[in-house]
Amino acid sequence: MGEPPRPFRLRGRGSPQKFGVAAGSLRGLLRKGCRLLQLPLPGSRLCLYEDGTELTESYFHALPPQTELVLLGPGESWRGCASDIEALLDAFCSRSSAVVAAARQLLGDERAPGRQKLLADLIHNLNENIPAEEREDDKKWFEGLEARFKNKSSYMRYSCESRIRSYMREVSSFTSKVHPTARDAYKRIIDLMSDKLKAARYNGCYFDRREEEAVRLCTAEGWFSSCDQPLALQGPFDSDDCPCKHSINPYSNRESRILFSTWNLDHIIEKKRAVVPELAEAVKTRDGREVNWEYFYQLLFTVENLKLVHIACHKKTNHNLSCDKTKIYRKRKQNHKLP
């Protein structure tokens, strides 16, 4: 059986009018959209309103309901909200040419992509309740969430903690694949990591805008952006920059909160292919040496090895990166000794 239909908000390239369309597949949504907007099916395609990312079937299935999409006909293009900004400037031109000239200058130099994205996101969230923190001040944001979440930051912290907890479960589930002679030592390392994670509250601080600037990944307002942000937000694992200048504020509205769940905390040195197998091998072949479990802890659970990336920037190919062999073992200490 196919996936049950999910609702989306659909608009055309040249009109702000939005239509509600439900579909269970990208092909089905494209077919319905073309019929609704009277566009030819061959050559037409769907993309995200916010940044122009073109949809694939796998990307479609990861989108939350009510995502805003743009249907493009043959030969049409969409550069995200920046396209709407340009249309607005053109319409405003006859009334204030000086404002338009200044805006075009801001959007025309080498820093234009970042400015376009920031301006687009500002316009998109202009009428949203970003400053609101408590449930009673923005009840719509909390729709679908358990009553125990009294404010936005507590839920965002929980969201981050849940991701980190899932990584810990993966490390634990690998125990059965560890060599029998090293299994007990591997379990003890898991216990040490678990204790450290509990003390750090599973690094939920990364998504909590109330935290200190040094530990959170967002601004004090809740913006997660690749523009002027730490390495943890700078695009794919093999890049120092996000080519699409992605940004999002999950604190702004319910849709953005849901859409943020599709952003990935991507391991630069891959968790499944490299880090966990290397840890198991290190325990097996330690031969009297002490495994530097804190190095593996950093690779698995911290921004030393994690990047927050938009789903379109998440490359699922083999990263072909390995652990630093010089950091796998350390000199034996009195505490946390492994037999």
Protein backbone atom coordinates (compact mmCIF):
# COMPACT_ATOMS: atom_id res chain seq x y z
CA MET A 1 0.00 0.00 0.00
CA GLY A 2 1.10 3.54 -0.72
CA GLU A 3 1.54 6.26 1.84
CA PRO A 4 -1.74 7.91 2.94
CA PRO A 5 -2.33 11.39 1.51
CA ARG A 6 -0.85 14.34 3.40
CA PRO A 7 -1.96 17.98 3.00
CA PHE A 8 0.32 20.62 1.45
CA ARG A 9 -0.03 24.30 0.60
CA LEU A 10 0.56 24.86 -3.10
CA ARG A 11 1.00 28.02 -5.15
CA GLY A 12 2.13 28.91 -8.65
CA ARG A 13 5.19 30.89 -9.75
CA GLY A 14 3.37 34.13 -10.42
CA SER A 15 0.59 34.20 -7.84
CA PRO A 16 0.51 34.48 -4.03
CA GLN A 17 -2.77 32.52 -3.89
CA LYS A 18 -2.35 29.19 -2.08
CA PHE A 19 -4.33 26.00 -2.49
CA GLY A 20 -4.66 23.02 -0.19
CA VAL A 21 -3.71 19.80 -1.98
CA ALA A 22 -3.35 16.32 -0.47
CA ALA A 23 -1.24 13.53 -1.98
CA GLY A 24 0.70 10.46 -0.89
CA SER A 25 3.45 10.70 -3.50
CA LEU A 26 5.42 13.37 -5.31
CA ARG A 27 4.05 12.23 -8.67
CA GLY A 28 0.49 12.36 -7.35
CA LEU A 29 0.97 15.85 -5.94
CA LEU A 30 2.54 17.08 -9.16
CA ARG A 31 -0.33 15.67 -11.20
CA LYS A 32 -2.98 17.27 -8.99
CA GLY A 33 -1.11 20.57 -8.94
CA CYS A 34 -0.78 20.74 -12.71
CA ARG A 35 -4.49 20.03 -13.10
CA LEU A 36 -5.37 22.70 -10.52
CA LEU A 37 -3.07 25.42 -11.92
CA GLN A 38 -3.59 24.36 -15.54
CA LEU A 39 0.07 23.62 -16.26
CA PRO A 40 1.41 20.86 -18.51
CA LEU A 41 2.64 17.84 -16.59
CA PRO A 42 5.76 17.23 -18.75
CA GLY A 43 8.52 19.57 -17.61
CA SER A 44 6.73 20.78 -14.48
CA ARG A 45 8.26 20.29 -11.02
CA LEU A 46 7.76 21.14 -7.34
CA CYS A 47 10.09 23.01 -5.00
CA LEU A 48 10.10 24.43 -1.47
CA TYR A 49 8.75 27.95 -1.19
CA GLU A 50 11.33 28.96 1.41
CA ASP A 51 14.53 28.31 -0.55
CA GLY A 52 13.69 26.80 -3.95
CA THR A 53 14.99 23.30 -3.18
CA GLU A 54 13.55 21.00 -5.85
CA LEU A 55 11.70 17.99 -4.48
CA THR A 56 12.68 14.39 -5.03
CA GLU A 57 10.50 11.45 -4.03
CA SER A 58 12.57 10.71 -0.91
CA TYR A 59 12.63 14.38 0.08
CA PHE A 60 8.85 14.55 -0.40
CA HIS A 61 8.26 11.76 2.11
CA ALA A 62 10.37 13.59 4.73
CA LEU A 63 8.32 16.80 4.55
CA PRO A 64 5.82 17.58 7.32
CA PRO A 65 2.17 18.24 6.44
CA GLN A 66 1.22 21.78 5.40
CA THR A 67 4.65 22.53 3.94
CA GLU A 68 4.39 25.41 1.47
CA LEU A 69 5.41 24.44 -2.06
CA VAL A 70 5.70 26.18 -5.43
CA LEU A 71 4.69 24.48 -8.67
CA LEU A 72 6.90 25.49 -11.59
CA GLY A 73 5.95 25.07 -15.21
CA PRO A 74 8.43 24.28 -18.01
CA GLY A 75 11.20 26.89 -18.09
CA GLU A 76 10.18 28.58 -14.84
CA SER A 77 12.56 29.02 -11.88
CA TRP A 78 12.20 29.83 -8.21
CA ARG A 79 14.98 31.10 -5.95
CA GLY A 80 13.04 30.85 -2.76
CA CYS A 81 11.48 33.81 -0.99
CA ALA A 82 14.00 36.06 -2.76
CA SER A 83 11.80 35.74 -5.86
CA ASP A 84 8.90 37.23 -3.91
CA ILE A 85 11.16 39.99 -2.61
CA GLU A 86 12.14 40.97 -6.15
CA ALA A 87 8.50 41.00 -7.24
CA LEU A 88 7.67 43.21 -4.27
CA LEU A 89 10.46 45.62 -5.19
CA ASP A 90 9.27 45.79 -8.80
CA ALA A 91 5.73 46.55 -7.68
CA PHE A 92 6.98 49.22 -5.27
CA CYS A 93 9.29 50.85 -7.80
CA SER A 94 6.91 53.55 -9.00
CA ARG A 95 6.34 54.77 -5.43
CA SER A 96 9.84 54.86 -3.98
CA SER A 97 12.71 54.44 -6.39
CA ALA A 98 15.26 55.35 -3.70
CA VAL A 99 14.15 52.46 -1.46
CA VAL A 100 14.27 50.09 -4.39
CA ALA A 101 17.73 51.25 -5.43
CA ALA A 102 19.06 50.73 -1.90
CA ALA A 103 17.46 47.30 -1.63
CA ARG A 104 18.80 46.22 -5.02
CA GLN A 105 22.29 47.31 -3.98
CA LEU A 106 22.03 45.21 -0.81
CA LEU A 107 20.89 42.20 -2.83
CA GLY A 108 23.34 42.67 -5.66
CA ASP A 109 26.86 42.27 -4.25
CA GLU A 110 28.90 39.22 -3.30
CA ARG A 111 27.07 38.87 0.02
CA ALA A 112 23.65 38.87 -1.65
CA PRO A 113 22.78 35.18 -1.10
CA GLY A 114 23.06 35.47 2.66
CA ARG A 115 21.18 38.76 2.73
CA GLN A 116 18.45 37.39 0.49
CA LYS A 117 17.97 34.44 2.78
CA LEU A 118 17.90 36.51 5.94
CA LEU A 119 15.46 39.02 4.42
CA ALA A 120 13.29 36.20 3.10
CA ASP A 121 13.14 34.52 6.48
CA LEU A 122 12.39 37.85 8.15
CA ILE A 123 9.43 38.45 5.84
CA HIS A 124 8.26 34.86 6.22
CA ASN A 125 8.21 35.17 10.02
CA LEU A 126 7.22 38.83 10.29
CA ASN A 127 3.76 38.06 11.63
CA GLU A 128 4.82 35.17 13.83
CA ASN A 129 5.23 35.14 17.58
CA ILE A 130 8.98 34.55 17.86
CA PRO A 131 9.47 36.29 21.24
CA ALA A 132 6.71 34.24 22.91
CA GLU A 133 8.14 31.52 25.13
CA GLU A 134 5.31 30.25 27.34
CA ARG A 135 2.52 27.94 26.17
CA GLU A 136 -0.26 30.39 27.03
CA ASP A 137 1.38 33.08 24.88
CA ASP A 138 1.49 30.99 21.68
CA LYS A 139 -0.92 28.08 22.00
CA LYS A 140 -0.85 27.26 18.29
CA TRP A 141 2.89 26.53 18.44
CA PHE A 142 2.23 23.79 21.02
CA GLU A 143 -0.53 22.02 19.07
CA GLY A 144 0.17 18.29 19.03
CA LEU A 145 2.71 18.42 21.88
CA GLU A 146 2.34 16.88 25.32
CA ALA A 147 1.03 19.14 28.08
CA ARG A 148 4.25 18.68 30.07
CA PHE A 149 6.01 21.16 27.77
CA LYS A 150 5.26 24.55 29.33
CA ASN A 151 7.54 26.65 27.14
CA LYS A 152 9.19 26.47 23.71
CA SER A 153 12.75 26.11 24.94
CA SER A 154 11.92 23.09 27.07
CA TYR A 155 10.51 21.30 24.03
CA MET A 156 13.45 22.29 21.81
CA ARG A 157 15.86 21.03 24.46
CA TYR A 158 13.90 17.75 24.60
CA SER A 159 14.06 17.52 20.80
CA CYS A 160 17.85 17.75 20.87
CA GLU A 161 18.14 15.35 23.80
CA SER A 162 16.05 12.80 21.90
CA ARG A 163 18.47 12.85 18.98
CA ILE A 164 21.49 12.40 21.24
CA ARG A 165 19.75 9.61 23.17
CA SER A 166 19.12 7.78 19.89
CA TYR A 167 22.86 7.88 19.15
CA MET A 168 23.54 6.34 22.56
CA ARG A 169 21.06 3.56 21.81
CA GLU A 170 22.87 2.82 18.55
CA VAL A 171 26.19 2.57 20.36
CA SER A 172 24.64 0.22 22.93
CA SER A 173 22.97 -1.95 20.29
CA PHE A 174 26.38 -2.57 18.71
CA THR A 175 27.42 -4.57 21.80
CA SER A 176 26.29 -7.85 20.25
CA LYS A 177 28.75 -7.30 17.38
CA VAL A 178 31.73 -6.73 19.66
CA HIS A 179 34.19 -9.61 20.07
CA PRO A 180 33.11 -11.72 23.11
CA THR A 181 36.42 -11.16 24.90
CA ALA A 182 35.98 -7.38 24.69
CA ARG A 183 32.26 -7.15 25.31
CA ASP A 184 32.41 -6.41 29.05
CA ALA A 185 34.99 -3.67 28.54
CA TYR A 186 32.83 -2.19 25.76
CA LYS A 187 29.84 -2.15 28.13
CA ARG A 188 31.86 -0.32 30.76
CA ILE A 189 32.76 2.36 28.24
CA ILE A 190 29.07 2.69 27.39
CA ASP A 191 28.37 3.21 31.10
CA LEU A 192 31.01 5.95 31.28
CA MET A 193 29.56 7.68 28.23
CA SER A 194 26.04 7.40 29.63
CA ASP A 195 27.10 9.00 32.91
CA LYS A 196 28.80 11.85 31.06
CA LEU A 197 25.74 12.39 28.85
CA LYS A 198 23.42 12.46 31.85
CA ALA A 199 25.65 15.04 33.52
CA ALA A 200 25.52 17.14 30.34
CA ARG A 201 21.74 16.64 30.11
CA TYR A 202 22.26 14.98 26.73
CA ASN A 203 23.57 18.24 25.24
CA GLY A 204 20.04 19.59 24.91
CA CYS A 205 21.65 23.04 25.23
CA TYR A 206 22.40 22.99 21.49
CA PHE A 207 18.73 23.77 20.61
CA ASP A 208 17.86 25.87 23.68
CA ARG A 209 17.87 29.59 22.91
CA ARG A 210 17.99 30.43 26.63
CA GLU A 211 21.44 28.89 26.98
CA GLU A 212 24.73 30.76 26.87
CA GLU A 213 25.92 31.77 23.40
CA ALA A 214 29.00 29.56 23.73
CA VAL A 215 26.97 26.34 23.91
CA ARG A 216 23.81 26.91 21.86
CA LEU A 217 23.64 26.54 18.07
CA CYS A 218 21.05 29.28 17.57
CA THR A 219 20.77 32.99 18.25
CA ALA A 220 19.05 34.31 21.35
CA GLU A 221 15.91 34.69 19.20
CA GLY A 222 16.07 31.06 18.06
CA TRP A 223 17.52 31.39 14.54
CA PHE A 224 19.51 28.48 13.17
CA SER A 225 21.42 29.84 10.20
CA SER A 226 24.50 29.08 8.11
CA CYS A 227 25.23 32.80 7.93
CA ASP A 228 27.83 33.93 10.49
CA GLN A 229 27.21 30.83 12.61
CA PRO A 230 29.54 28.14 14.03
CA LEU A 231 30.98 25.28 12.03
CA ALA A 232 28.12 23.10 13.25
CA LEU A 233 25.79 24.94 10.87
CA GLN A 234 27.98 25.35 7.81
CA GLY A 235 26.46 23.05 5.23
CA PRO A 236 27.36 19.49 4.18
CA PHE A 237 30.04 17.45 5.94
CA ASP A 238 32.61 18.18 3.20
CA SER A 239 32.00 21.92 2.96
CA ASP A 240 32.80 24.97 5.08
CA ASP A 241 29.72 26.79 3.82
CA CYS A 242 26.05 26.14 3.09
CA PRO A 243 25.58 26.85 -0.65
CA CYS A 244 21.85 27.55 -0.20
CA LYS A 245 22.24 29.75 2.91
CA HIS A 246 19.62 27.70 4.74
CA SER A 247 18.17 29.09 7.94
CA ILE A 248 15.14 28.41 10.11
CA ASN A 249 13.58 29.58 13.35
CA PRO A 250 11.63 26.66 14.87
CA TYR A 251 10.54 29.00 17.68
CA SER A 252 8.55 31.14 15.23
CA ASN A 253 5.55 28.98 14.37
CA ARG A 254 4.25 25.42 14.46
CA GLU A 255 5.11 24.71 10.83
CA SER A 256 8.73 25.76 11.32
CA ARG A 257 8.93 23.64 14.47
CA ILE A 258 7.78 20.59 12.51
CA LEU A 259 9.98 21.38 9.51
CA PHE A 260 13.01 21.68 11.79
CA SER A 261 12.65 17.99 12.59
CA THR A 262 13.83 17.25 9.03
CA TRP A 263 17.15 19.02 9.66
CA ASN A 264 19.87 16.49 10.45
CA LEU A 265 22.61 16.39 13.07
CA ASP A 266 25.10 14.82 10.69
CA HIS A 267 28.26 13.08 11.92
CA ILE A 268 31.24 14.35 9.92
CA ILE A 269 33.17 11.17 10.71
CA GLU A 270 30.31 8.74 10.30
CA LYS A 271 28.86 7.10 13.38
CA LYS A 272 27.89 3.74 11.88
CA ARG A 273 30.64 3.33 9.30
CA ALA A 274 33.60 4.65 11.28
CA VAL A 275 33.27 5.75 14.91
CA VAL A 276 31.39 2.85 16.52
CA PRO A 277 33.28 0.07 14.66
CA GLU A 278 36.57 1.81 15.51
CA LEU A 279 35.59 1.95 19.18
CA ALA A 280 34.77 -1.76 19.21
CA GLU A 281 38.08 -2.58 17.50
CA ALA A 282 40.00 -0.36 19.93
CA VAL A 283 38.53 -2.22 22.90
CA LYS A 284 39.30 -5.58 21.32
CA THR A 285 42.94 -4.80 20.46
CA ARG A 286 43.86 -2.53 23.38
CA ASP A 287 46.46 -5.02 24.73
CA GLY A 288 46.91 -3.25 28.06
CA ARG A 289 46.36 0.25 26.72
CA GLU A 290 43.52 2.48 27.92
CA VAL A 291 40.91 3.37 25.34
CA ASN A 292 40.40 7.11 25.08
CA TRP A 293 36.64 6.84 25.42
CA GLU A 294 36.23 10.60 25.81
CA TYR A 295 37.59 11.08 22.29
CA PHE A 296 34.89 8.73 20.98
CA TYR A 297 32.34 10.51 23.15
CA GLN A 298 33.19 13.79 21.41
CA LEU A 299 32.82 12.19 17.98
CA LEU A 300 29.48 10.61 18.81
CA PHE A 301 27.66 13.22 20.87
CA THR A 302 29.14 16.71 20.48
CA VAL A 303 29.54 19.44 17.86
CA GLU A 304 33.20 18.46 17.61
CA ASN A 305 31.89 16.01 15.01
CA LEU A 306 28.27 17.06 14.43
CA LYS A 307 26.84 19.45 11.86
CA LEU A 308 23.24 20.63 11.81
CA VAL A 309 22.25 20.56 8.14
CA HIS A 310 19.15 21.13 6.06
CA ILE A 311 17.88 17.89 4.54
CA ALA A 312 18.90 19.09 1.05
CA CYS A 313 22.51 19.48 2.27
CA HIS A 314 22.59 16.10 4.01
CA LYS A 315 24.77 13.87 1.85
CA LYS A 316 24.12 10.20 2.52
CA THR A 317 27.15 9.00 0.59
CA ASN A 318 30.19 7.44 2.26
CA HIS A 319 32.16 10.26 3.90
CA ASN A 320 35.40 8.28 3.64
CA LEU A 321 36.70 9.76 6.88
CA SER A 322 38.24 7.86 9.78
CA CYS A 323 39.10 8.41 13.44
CA ASP A 324 42.42 9.95 14.42
CA LYS A 325 44.65 6.96 15.21
CA THR A 326 46.76 9.07 17.58
CA LYS A 327 43.76 9.74 19.85
CA ILE A 328 42.30 6.25 20.17
CA TYR A 329 44.41 5.30 23.23
CA ARG A 330 45.85 7.28 26.11
CA LYS A 331 48.15 6.63 29.02
CA ARG A 332 46.59 4.56 31.73
CA LYS A 333 45.08 6.45 34.63
CA GLN A 334 43.97 5.26 38.03
CA ASN A 335 40.31 5.97 37.34
CA HIS A 336 38.15 4.17 34.77
CA LYS A 337 40.69 1.39 34.23
CA LEU A 338 39.73 -1.37 31.85
CA PRO A 339 40.95 -4.91 32.59
